[in-house]
Amino acid sequence: MAEAAETEEPPKKKASKLPLIIGLVLMLVLGGGGFYATFSGMILGGGHEQTAGTDEHEVAPLPDIAFVPVDPLVISLGDQARNRHLRFVSQLEVSTTHESEVVHLMPRILDVLNGYLRAVEVRELEDPTALIRLRAQMLRRVQIVTGEGRVRDLLVTEFVLN
């Protein structure tokens, strides 16, 4: 008798797919409703419609800056380097009130940049992450030459080793 009880298994219930289908339908309806409410601007104010003749976003005026181009520098790297030359082109971000003063000091700026780039070791120039450090060092040297407050930033527009 014990064997007969073991061989009889209760009938397995067939899993109903109705809850899965209901969940899927609800997910699609609620997702679509949420998208519509956000897109139309009902919530979060994210509407894409603009009224004619009015600008919703006021554009802030640009700061009072000018960009002074620095003449391109070509630095020879020597025999031990894989690359023979460094081509360096940059611009200085200055306030418009100091633009003529910085242009007047350009020979000194070129001299300090040329001297610094020649002193940097070749392996540091070849390091892809070194540009941030080099830029900060060059900016500090340019600020010392021009005086505090005249040069706001140094923008490197070309840094090519060939």
Foldseek 3Di string as FASTA:
>chain_A
DVVVVVVDDDDDDDDDCVVVVVVVVVVVVVVVVVVCCQACCVPPRNHPDDDPPDDPDDDDDDAQKDKAWADWDWAAQDDVAPFGIKIWTKIFIFGPVCVVLLVVLRVVLVVVLRVVVNPDHRVLLVDPPNPVVSQVVSVVVSCVSSDPRGTDGMGTPDIDTD
